[in-house]
C-alpha atoms as a PDB file:
ATOM      1  CA  MET A   1     -65.108  76.239-160.727  1.00  0.00           C
ATOM      2  CA  THR A   2     -65.682  75.865-157.011  1.00  0.00           C
ATOM      3  CA  LYS A   3     -69.376  75.054-157.488  1.00  0.00           C
ATOM      4  CA  THR A   4     -68.480  72.285-159.948  1.00  0.00           C
ATOM      5  CA  VAL A   5     -65.999  70.808-157.497  1.00  0.00           C
ATOM      6  CA  LEU A   6     -68.549  70.900-154.746  1.00  0.00           C
ATOM      7  CA  ILE A   7     -71.138  69.271-156.907  1.00  0.00           C
ATOM      8  CA  VAL A   8     -68.749  66.541-157.945  1.00  0.00           C
ATOM      9  CA  ALA A   9     -67.704  65.946-154.331  1.00  0.00           C
ATOM     10  CA  ALA A  10     -71.276  65.846-153.169  1.00  0.00           C
ATOM     11  CA  ALA A  11     -72.111  63.272-155.906  1.00  0.00           C
ATOM     12  CA  ALA A  12     -69.148  61.168-154.972  1.00  0.00           C
ATOM     13  CA  VAL A  13     -70.115  61.211-151.238  1.00  0.00           C
ATOM     14  CA  PHE A  14     -73.643  60.253-152.230  1.00  0.00           C
ATOM     15  CA  LEU A  15     -72.515  57.348-154.344  1.00  0.00           C
ATOM     16  CA  VAL A  16     -70.053  56.083-151.632  1.00  0.00           C
ATOM     17  CA  TYR A  17     -72.770  56.351-149.051  1.00  0.00           C
ATOM     18  CA  GLY A  18     -75.231  54.458-151.207  1.00  0.00           C
ATOM     19  CA  PHE A  19     -72.648  51.764-151.906  1.00  0.00           C
ATOM     20  CA  VAL A  20     -71.820  51.267-148.184  1.00  0.00           C
ATOM     21  CA  LEU A  21     -75.529  51.140-147.341  1.00  0.00           C
ATOM     22  CA  TRP A  22     -76.142  48.556-150.107  1.00  0.00           C
ATOM     23  CA  CYS A  23     -73.252  46.438-148.802  1.00  0.00           C
ATOM     24  CA  CYS A  24     -74.602  46.542-145.279  1.00  0.00           C
ATOM     25  CA  ILE A  25     -78.038  45.548-146.386  1.00  0.00           C
ATOM     26  CA  LYS A  26     -76.603  42.704-148.443  1.00  0.00           C
ATOM     27  CA  VAL A  27     -74.483  41.359-145.614  1.00  0.00           C
ATOM     28  CA  GLY A  28     -77.388  41.652-143.181  1.00  0.00           C
ATOM     29  CA  ALA A  29     -79.602  39.667-145.445  1.00  0.00           C
ATOM     30  CA  GLU A  30     -77.049  36.904-145.782  1.00  0.00           C
ATOM     31  CA  SER A  31     -76.561  36.852-141.994  1.00  0.00           C
ATOM     32  CA  GLU A  32     -80.275  36.539-141.498  1.00  0.00           C
ATOM     33  CA  LYS A  33     -80.446  33.550-143.856  1.00  0.00           C
ATOM     34  CA  GLU A  34     -77.539  31.882-141.951  1.00  0.00           C
ATOM     35  CA  TYR A  35     -79.244  32.601-138.617  1.00  0.00           C
ATOM     36  CA  MET A  36     -82.558  31.153-139.812  1.00  0.00           C
ATOM     37  CA  LYS A  37     -80.821  27.937-140.992  1.00  0.00           C
ATOM     38  CA  LEU A  38     -79.098  27.597-137.586  1.00  0.00           C
ATOM     39  CA  ALA A  39     -82.323  28.240-135.711  1.00  0.00           C
ATOM     40  CA  GLU A  40     -84.180  25.726-137.799  1.00  0.00           C
ATOM     41  CA  LYS A  41     -81.431  23.130-137.198  1.00  0.00           C
ATOM     42  CA  ARG A  42     -81.386  23.787-133.467  1.00  0.00           C
ATOM     43  CA  GLY A  43     -85.204  23.463-133.334  1.00  0.00           C
ATOM     44  CA  LYS A  44     -85.013  20.056-134.962  1.00  0.00           C
ATOM     45  CA  GLU A  45     -82.314  18.943-132.523  1.00  0.00           C
ATOM     46  CA  GLN A  46     -84.434  20.019-129.504  1.00  0.00           C
ATOM     47  CA  GLN A  47     -87.390  18.124-130.899  1.00  0.00           C
ATOM     48  CA  CYS A  48     -85.282  14.958-131.224  1.00  0.00           C
ATOM     49  CA  ASP A  49     -84.123  15.346-127.622  1.00  0.00           C
ATOM     50  CA  LYS A  50     -87.708  15.219-126.241  1.00  0.00           C
END
């Protein structure tokens, strides 16, 4: 009984860890896209100022 509970708990921790990691990667990718858009926009503005 104790081994079963430990195995289930370990599986739950593994799944939660994987989900959190996936969410962090997803948010990071979205942030990078946003940053690239802003950097591109800023680059165009600086070229117009010259």
